Every structure is written in structure tokens, then in C-alpha cells.
Amino acid sequence: MSESLQNLFTAVWELLTALGLLVGPWIPLIAWCVFWLFAVNWLKLNRILAKGGWIPVFLIMFAAVLVWGEIAPPASGVHDFGIGWNVSNFYGKLVYVTALVVIMMLCGSVQSSGACDQICRFPEDSDEQAAETAH
């Protein structure tokens, strides 16, 4: 009995290790999606973006590309995307940062569509609070 129980624990441990190795590299991207999907009130953010909030988003994007490109250039000097693309350091970083912003906006559109209404509920703004935040 104890040998079969030990075999069961060993099999479960090997399964969890294999799953960890499979999912481990994707954890930062999963966390990125979870944050933008459940922690951000996209109704408020869309109002801010509509009033000109796009400009800081683009400035932060380009600053991230410049800093990331200087700090961590690829070892070969180019980014190989595996589909026949070989682009230079800064263009490759621009592709990555743009992909992250597109994923962020997709999470916003999913939340704005109402698909997450049962999971994430944000308090409604009263007219007084909306006027306070506008100032």
C-alpha cells in the first residue's frame, strides 16, 4: 500500500513538474493579460484615452523600446521571429512592445464587451465623483 502511494505521489510530482516547465515561460504574459483584463476599469480608461490619453501611451511605448533596446540587445544583433523575419534590435523591440499593447487593448475590448461582468465588478461613479476626477 505504501509503495503504491509513493508511486502516486511521484507521478503527481512529475506531472506538476512537466506542467510547470510547459507553462513557466508563459507566466509573465499570462500575468499581463490577467492584470489588464481584471484589474483595470476599462470604462474609465476609455474615457481617458478618448480625451487624449493615447499620447502618453505612445510615448511610454517608444521610451520602453529605446530603453529595452539599449539594455538588452539580442546576442546575434538581430531578432529572428521564426517566420523568415530578421529585424534589427530596435525594430524587434518595437514589434514586441506593440504586441503587448495590442494584447492590452484586446483585454480591454473583452472586458468592455461584458464577457467579464460576473468576475470583475467595479463600483459605479456618481456624478460628483466623476466631476472630482475631471478636475
N, C-alpha and C. Protein backbone atom coordinates (compact mmCIF):
# COMPACT_ATOMS: atom_id res chain seq x y z
N MET A 1 0.83 -1.19 0.00
CA MET A 1 0.00 0.00 0.00
C MET A 1 0.87 1.25 0.00
N SER A 2 1.89 1.27 0.83
CA SER A 2 2.72 2.46 0.90
C SER A 2 3.53 2.66 -0.38
N GLU A 3 3.90 1.56 -1.04
CA GLU A 3 4.65 1.68 -2.29
C GLU A 3 3.77 2.28 -3.39
N SER A 4 2.51 1.87 -3.45
CA SER A 4 1.61 2.43 -4.46
C SER A 4 1.30 3.90 -4.17
N LEU A 5 1.21 4.25 -2.89
CA LEU A 5 1.00 5.66 -2.53
C LEU A 5 2.22 6.49 -2.90
N GLN A 6 3.40 5.95 -2.68
CA GLN A 6 4.63 6.65 -3.05
C GLN A 6 4.70 6.81 -4.58
N ASN A 7 4.31 5.79 -5.32
CA ASN A 7 4.28 5.88 -6.78
C ASN A 7 3.29 6.94 -7.26
N LEU A 8 2.15 7.02 -6.57
CA LEU A 8 1.16 8.04 -6.92
C LEU A 8 1.73 9.44 -6.70
N PHE A 9 2.36 9.69 -5.55
CA PHE A 9 2.95 11.00 -5.27
C PHE A 9 4.07 11.32 -6.27
N THR A 10 4.85 10.32 -6.63
CA THR A 10 5.91 10.53 -7.61
C THR A 10 5.33 10.90 -8.97
N ALA A 11 4.28 10.24 -9.38
CA ALA A 11 3.64 10.53 -10.67
C ALA A 11 3.02 11.93 -10.66
N VAL A 12 2.37 12.28 -9.56
CA VAL A 12 1.77 13.62 -9.46
C VAL A 12 2.86 14.68 -9.49
N TRP A 13 3.97 14.44 -8.79
CA TRP A 13 5.07 15.40 -8.78
C TRP A 13 5.67 15.56 -10.17
N GLU A 14 5.83 14.47 -10.91
CA GLU A 14 6.36 14.54 -12.27
C GLU A 14 5.40 15.27 -13.20
N LEU A 15 4.11 15.07 -13.01
CA LEU A 15 3.11 15.77 -13.81
C LEU A 15 3.16 17.27 -13.53
N LEU A 16 3.22 17.66 -12.25
CA LEU A 16 3.29 19.08 -11.91
C LEU A 16 4.58 19.72 -12.41
N THR A 17 5.68 18.98 -12.36
CA THR A 17 6.94 19.49 -12.88
C THR A 17 6.86 19.71 -14.39
N ALA A 18 6.28 18.76 -15.10
CA ALA A 18 6.13 18.90 -16.55
C ALA A 18 5.23 20.08 -16.90
N LEU A 19 4.14 20.25 -16.17
CA LEU A 19 3.25 21.39 -16.40
C LEU A 19 3.95 22.71 -16.09
N GLY A 20 4.75 22.72 -15.03
CA GLY A 20 5.50 23.93 -14.69
C GLY A 20 6.50 24.30 -15.76
N LEU A 21 7.16 23.30 -16.33
CA LEU A 21 8.11 23.57 -17.40
C LEU A 21 7.41 24.04 -18.68
N LEU A 22 6.19 23.56 -18.89
CA LEU A 22 5.43 23.95 -20.06
C LEU A 22 4.85 25.35 -19.92
N VAL A 23 4.30 25.66 -18.76
CA VAL A 23 3.61 26.94 -18.55
C VAL A 23 4.56 28.01 -18.03
N GLY A 24 5.65 27.63 -17.41
CA GLY A 24 6.56 28.58 -16.77
C GLY A 24 7.00 29.75 -17.61
N PRO A 25 7.44 29.54 -18.85
CA PRO A 25 7.87 30.69 -19.65
C PRO A 25 6.74 31.65 -20.02
N TRP A 26 5.50 31.17 -19.94
CA TRP A 26 4.36 32.00 -20.34
C TRP A 26 3.75 32.76 -19.16
N ILE A 27 4.25 32.57 -17.95
CA ILE A 27 3.65 33.21 -16.78
C ILE A 27 3.65 34.74 -16.86
N PRO A 28 4.73 35.40 -17.31
CA PRO A 28 4.65 36.86 -17.41
C PRO A 28 3.56 37.35 -18.38
N LEU A 29 3.38 36.67 -19.50
CA LEU A 29 2.34 37.07 -20.44
C LEU A 29 0.95 36.80 -19.88
N ILE A 30 0.80 35.70 -19.18
CA ILE A 30 -0.49 35.39 -18.54
C ILE A 30 -0.80 36.44 -17.47
N ALA A 31 0.20 36.84 -16.69
CA ALA A 31 0.00 37.87 -15.68
C ALA A 31 -0.36 39.21 -16.33
N TRP A 32 0.27 39.52 -17.47
CA TRP A 32 -0.04 40.75 -18.21
C TRP A 32 -1.52 40.75 -18.62
N CYS A 33 -1.99 39.64 -19.16
CA CYS A 33 -3.38 39.54 -19.59
C CYS A 33 -4.34 39.61 -18.41
N VAL A 34 -4.01 38.92 -17.34
CA VAL A 34 -4.89 38.93 -16.15
C VAL A 34 -4.99 40.33 -15.58
N PHE A 35 -3.87 41.05 -15.52
CA PHE A 35 -3.90 42.41 -15.00
C PHE A 35 -4.81 43.31 -15.84
N TRP A 36 -4.61 43.33 -17.14
CA TRP A 36 -5.38 44.24 -17.99
C TRP A 36 -6.82 43.79 -18.15
N LEU A 37 -7.11 42.53 -17.90
CA LEU A 37 -8.47 42.04 -18.04
C LEU A 37 -9.29 42.24 -16.78
N PHE A 38 -8.67 42.05 -15.61
CA PHE A 38 -9.45 42.06 -14.37
C PHE A 38 -9.14 43.21 -13.42
N ALA A 39 -8.00 43.86 -13.55
CA ALA A 39 -7.63 44.88 -12.57
C ALA A 39 -7.86 46.30 -13.07
N VAL A 40 -8.18 46.48 -14.33
CA VAL A 40 -8.34 47.81 -14.90
C VAL A 40 -9.80 48.03 -15.25
N ASN A 41 -10.34 49.17 -14.84
CA ASN A 41 -11.69 49.55 -15.21
C ASN A 41 -11.63 50.21 -16.58
N TRP A 42 -11.98 49.47 -17.61
CA TRP A 42 -11.84 49.95 -18.97
C TRP A 42 -12.88 51.00 -19.33
N LEU A 43 -13.98 51.07 -18.61
CA LEU A 43 -14.93 52.13 -18.88
C LEU A 43 -14.32 53.50 -18.55
N LYS A 44 -13.62 53.58 -17.42
CA LYS A 44 -12.92 54.82 -17.06
C LYS A 44 -11.74 55.07 -17.99
N LEU A 45 -10.98 54.03 -18.27
CA LEU A 45 -9.79 54.19 -19.10
C LEU A 45 -10.14 54.61 -20.52
N ASN A 46 -11.25 54.11 -21.06
CA ASN A 46 -11.66 54.51 -22.40
C ASN A 46 -12.01 55.99 -22.46
N ARG A 47 -12.61 56.50 -21.40
CA ARG A 47 -12.91 57.95 -21.37
C ARG A 47 -11.63 58.76 -21.36
N ILE A 48 -10.63 58.29 -20.60
CA ILE A 48 -9.35 59.00 -20.54
C ILE A 48 -8.62 58.92 -21.89
N LEU A 49 -8.64 57.76 -22.51
CA LEU A 49 -8.00 57.61 -23.81
C LEU A 49 -8.68 58.46 -24.87
N ALA A 50 -9.99 58.59 -24.78
CA ALA A 50 -10.73 59.39 -25.75
C ALA A 50 -10.42 60.88 -25.61
N LYS A 51 -9.99 61.31 -24.44
CA LYS A 51 -9.66 62.72 -24.21
C LYS A 51 -8.21 63.04 -24.52
N GLY A 52 -7.48 62.13 -25.14
CA GLY A 52 -6.09 62.39 -25.50
C GLY A 52 -5.10 61.54 -24.73
N GLY A 53 -5.55 60.52 -24.06
CA GLY A 53 -4.66 59.66 -23.30
C GLY A 53 -3.80 58.76 -24.18
N TRP A 54 -4.03 58.78 -25.48
CA TRP A 54 -3.22 57.97 -26.39
C TRP A 54 -1.79 58.49 -26.46
N ILE A 55 -1.64 59.79 -26.33
CA ILE A 55 -0.31 60.37 -26.47
C ILE A 55 0.66 59.82 -25.42
N PRO A 56 0.30 59.82 -24.13
CA PRO A 56 1.22 59.21 -23.15
C PRO A 56 1.45 57.72 -23.38
N VAL A 57 0.45 57.01 -23.89
CA VAL A 57 0.63 55.58 -24.16
C VAL A 57 1.71 55.39 -25.22
N PHE A 58 1.64 56.17 -26.30
CA PHE A 58 2.66 56.05 -27.34
C PHE A 58 4.03 56.50 -26.86
N LEU A 59 4.08 57.55 -26.05
CA LEU A 59 5.36 58.00 -25.53
C LEU A 59 6.00 56.95 -24.62
N ILE A 60 5.19 56.30 -23.79
CA ILE A 60 5.69 55.24 -22.92
C ILE A 60 6.16 54.05 -23.76
N MET A 61 5.41 53.75 -24.83
CA MET A 61 5.82 52.66 -25.72
C MET A 61 7.20 52.93 -26.32
N PHE A 62 7.39 54.12 -26.86
CA PHE A 62 8.67 54.42 -27.51
C PHE A 62 9.80 54.53 -26.51
N ALA A 63 9.52 55.02 -25.32
CA ALA A 63 10.55 55.05 -24.28
C ALA A 63 10.94 53.63 -23.88
N ALA A 64 9.95 52.75 -23.77
CA ALA A 64 10.24 51.35 -23.43
C ALA A 64 11.09 50.68 -24.51
N VAL A 65 10.79 50.97 -25.78
CA VAL A 65 11.57 50.41 -26.88
C VAL A 65 13.01 50.90 -26.81
N LEU A 66 13.20 52.19 -26.59
CA LEU A 66 14.55 52.75 -26.55
C LEU A 66 15.36 52.19 -25.38
N VAL A 67 14.75 52.15 -24.20
CA VAL A 67 15.46 51.65 -23.02
C VAL A 67 15.75 50.17 -23.15
N TRP A 68 14.75 49.39 -23.53
CA TRP A 68 14.92 47.94 -23.66
C TRP A 68 15.94 47.60 -24.74
N GLY A 69 15.93 48.37 -25.83
CA GLY A 69 16.88 48.13 -26.91
C GLY A 69 18.31 48.40 -26.49
N GLU A 70 18.51 49.39 -25.63
CA GLU A 70 19.86 49.69 -25.15
C GLU A 70 20.32 48.69 -24.09
N ILE A 71 19.41 48.28 -23.23
CA ILE A 71 19.78 47.42 -22.11
C ILE A 71 20.00 45.98 -22.55
N ALA A 72 19.15 45.47 -23.42
CA ALA A 72 19.19 44.04 -23.75
C ALA A 72 19.17 43.80 -25.25
N PRO A 73 20.25 44.11 -25.95
CA PRO A 73 20.28 43.78 -27.38
C PRO A 73 20.40 42.27 -27.56
N PRO A 74 19.88 41.74 -28.67
CA PRO A 74 19.99 40.30 -28.89
C PRO A 74 21.44 39.90 -29.13
N ALA A 75 21.78 38.67 -28.79
CA ALA A 75 23.16 38.20 -28.89
C ALA A 75 23.65 38.20 -30.34
N SER A 76 22.77 37.89 -31.27
CA SER A 76 23.19 37.84 -32.68
C SER A 76 23.09 39.20 -33.36
N GLY A 77 22.51 40.18 -32.68
CA GLY A 77 22.37 41.50 -33.27
C GLY A 77 21.04 41.72 -33.96
N VAL A 78 20.33 40.64 -34.24
CA VAL A 78 19.02 40.75 -34.89
C VAL A 78 18.03 39.84 -34.16
N HIS A 79 16.76 40.16 -34.31
CA HIS A 79 15.69 39.33 -33.76
C HIS A 79 15.20 38.40 -34.86
N ASP A 80 15.15 37.12 -34.58
CA ASP A 80 14.64 36.14 -35.52
C ASP A 80 13.26 35.71 -35.02
N PHE A 81 12.23 36.09 -35.76
CA PHE A 81 10.87 35.77 -35.33
C PHE A 81 10.41 34.39 -35.78
N GLY A 82 11.27 33.66 -36.50
CA GLY A 82 10.94 32.29 -36.87
C GLY A 82 10.07 32.15 -38.09
N ILE A 83 9.66 33.24 -38.69
CA ILE A 83 8.82 33.17 -39.89
C ILE A 83 9.52 33.85 -41.06
N GLY A 84 10.83 33.86 -41.00
CA GLY A 84 11.60 34.48 -42.07
C GLY A 84 11.93 35.94 -41.82
N TRP A 85 11.54 36.44 -40.67
CA TRP A 85 11.84 37.83 -40.32
C TRP A 85 13.13 37.88 -39.54
N ASN A 86 14.04 38.69 -39.99
CA ASN A 86 15.23 39.02 -39.22
C ASN A 86 15.30 40.54 -39.17
N VAL A 87 14.95 41.11 -38.04
CA VAL A 87 14.91 42.56 -37.93
C VAL A 87 15.94 43.02 -36.91
N SER A 88 16.33 44.27 -37.02
CA SER A 88 17.34 44.80 -36.12
C SER A 88 16.80 44.92 -34.69
N ASN A 89 17.67 45.30 -33.80
CA ASN A 89 17.37 45.34 -32.38
C ASN A 89 16.15 46.20 -32.08
N PHE A 90 16.17 47.47 -32.50
CA PHE A 90 15.10 48.38 -32.09
C PHE A 90 13.78 48.06 -32.80
N TYR A 91 13.84 47.61 -34.04
CA TYR A 91 12.60 47.22 -34.71
C TYR A 91 12.01 45.97 -34.07
N GLY A 92 12.85 45.07 -33.65
CA GLY A 92 12.35 43.88 -32.96
C GLY A 92 11.69 44.22 -31.64
N LYS A 93 12.32 45.12 -30.89
CA LYS A 93 11.71 45.55 -29.62
C LYS A 93 10.40 46.30 -29.87
N LEU A 94 10.35 47.06 -30.97
CA LEU A 94 9.11 47.76 -31.31
C LEU A 94 7.99 46.76 -31.61
N VAL A 95 8.32 45.66 -32.27
CA VAL A 95 7.32 44.62 -32.54
C VAL A 95 6.82 44.02 -31.23
N TYR A 96 7.74 43.71 -30.31
CA TYR A 96 7.34 43.12 -29.03
C TYR A 96 6.47 44.08 -28.21
N VAL A 97 6.87 45.33 -28.11
CA VAL A 97 6.12 46.30 -27.30
C VAL A 97 4.75 46.55 -27.94
N THR A 98 4.70 46.64 -29.26
CA THR A 98 3.42 46.83 -29.94
C THR A 98 2.51 45.63 -29.71
N ALA A 99 3.07 44.43 -29.71
CA ALA A 99 2.27 43.24 -29.43
C ALA A 99 1.69 43.28 -28.01
N LEU A 100 2.49 43.74 -27.06
CA LEU A 100 1.97 43.85 -25.68
C LEU A 100 0.84 44.87 -25.59
N VAL A 101 0.96 45.98 -26.30
CA VAL A 101 -0.11 46.99 -26.28
C VAL A 101 -1.35 46.46 -26.99
N VAL A 102 -1.18 45.71 -28.06
CA VAL A 102 -2.33 45.12 -28.75
C VAL A 102 -3.03 44.12 -27.83
N ILE A 103 -2.27 43.31 -27.12
CA ILE A 103 -2.86 42.37 -26.16
C ILE A 103 -3.61 43.13 -25.07
N MET A 104 -3.02 44.24 -24.61
CA MET A 104 -3.68 45.07 -23.60
C MET A 104 -5.02 45.57 -24.12
N MET A 105 -5.05 46.07 -25.35
CA MET A 105 -6.29 46.59 -25.92
C MET A 105 -7.31 45.46 -26.17
N LEU A 106 -6.84 44.28 -26.54
CA LEU A 106 -7.76 43.15 -26.70
C LEU A 106 -8.41 42.77 -25.37
N CYS A 107 -7.62 42.81 -24.30
CA CYS A 107 -8.19 42.54 -22.98
C CYS A 107 -9.24 43.60 -22.63
N GLY A 108 -8.97 44.84 -23.00
CA GLY A 108 -9.94 45.91 -22.76
C GLY A 108 -11.21 45.72 -23.56
N SER A 109 -11.09 45.26 -24.79
CA SER A 109 -12.30 45.05 -25.59
C SER A 109 -13.10 43.86 -25.07
N VAL A 110 -12.42 42.84 -24.55
CA VAL A 110 -13.14 41.70 -23.95
C VAL A 110 -13.91 42.16 -22.72
N GLN A 111 -13.25 42.97 -21.86
CA GLN A 111 -13.94 43.45 -20.67
C GLN A 111 -15.08 44.40 -21.03
N SER A 112 -14.86 45.26 -22.03
CA SER A 112 -15.90 46.21 -22.42
C SER A 112 -17.08 45.54 -23.09
N SER A 113 -16.87 44.35 -23.65
CA SER A 113 -17.97 43.63 -24.29
C SER A 113 -18.93 43.04 -23.27
N GLY A 114 -18.50 42.96 -22.02
CA GLY A 114 -19.35 42.40 -20.99
C GLY A 114 -19.06 40.95 -20.69
N ALA A 115 -18.01 40.40 -21.28
CA ALA A 115 -17.69 38.99 -21.07
C ALA A 115 -17.21 38.72 -19.66
N CYS A 116 -16.72 39.73 -18.95
CA CYS A 116 -16.17 39.54 -17.60
C CYS A 116 -17.04 40.15 -16.52
N ASP A 117 -18.29 40.44 -16.83
CA ASP A 117 -19.14 41.14 -15.85
C ASP A 117 -19.36 40.34 -14.58
N GLN A 118 -19.40 39.02 -14.66
CA GLN A 118 -19.62 38.21 -13.47
C GLN A 118 -18.39 38.14 -12.58
N ILE A 119 -17.21 38.32 -13.18
CA ILE A 119 -15.96 38.16 -12.43
C ILE A 119 -15.46 39.48 -11.86
N CYS A 120 -15.43 40.51 -12.69
CA CYS A 120 -14.88 41.79 -12.22
C CYS A 120 -15.97 42.85 -12.24
N ARG A 121 -16.24 43.36 -11.07
CA ARG A 121 -17.24 44.41 -10.92
C ARG A 121 -16.57 45.60 -10.26
N PHE A 122 -16.69 46.73 -10.92
CA PHE A 122 -16.11 47.95 -10.40
C PHE A 122 -17.24 48.83 -9.88
N PRO A 123 -16.96 49.60 -8.81
CA PRO A 123 -18.02 50.48 -8.30
C PRO A 123 -18.37 51.54 -9.32
N GLU A 124 -19.66 51.84 -9.38
CA GLU A 124 -20.13 52.86 -10.32
C GLU A 124 -19.74 54.24 -9.81
N ASP A 125 -19.38 55.13 -10.72
CA ASP A 125 -19.06 56.50 -10.36
C ASP A 125 -20.34 57.31 -10.26
N SER A 126 -20.44 58.07 -9.20
CA SER A 126 -21.53 59.03 -9.12
C SER A 126 -21.13 60.26 -9.91
N ASP A 127 -22.07 61.15 -10.15
CA ASP A 127 -21.77 62.37 -10.91
C ASP A 127 -20.78 63.26 -10.17
N GLU A 128 -20.85 63.27 -8.83
CA GLU A 128 -19.92 64.09 -8.05
C GLU A 128 -18.50 63.54 -8.16
N GLN A 129 -18.35 62.22 -8.08
CA GLN A 129 -17.01 61.64 -8.19
C GLN A 129 -16.45 61.85 -9.59
N ALA A 130 -17.28 61.78 -10.60
CA ALA A 130 -16.82 62.00 -11.96
C ALA A 130 -16.39 63.45 -12.15
N ALA A 131 -17.09 64.38 -11.53
CA ALA A 131 -16.70 65.79 -11.62
C ALA A 131 -15.40 66.04 -10.87
N GLU A 132 -15.20 65.34 -9.72
CA GLU A 132 -13.96 65.48 -8.95
C GLU A 132 -12.77 64.96 -9.75
N THR A 133 -12.93 63.82 -10.38
CA THR A 133 -11.81 63.25 -11.13
C THR A 133 -11.53 64.06 -12.39
N ALA A 134 -12.51 64.77 -12.90
CA ALA A 134 -12.29 65.59 -14.09
C ALA A 134 -11.42 66.79 -13.78
N HIS A 135 -11.46 67.25 -12.51
CA HIS A 135 -10.64 68.40 -12.14
C HIS A 135 -9.30 67.94 -11.69
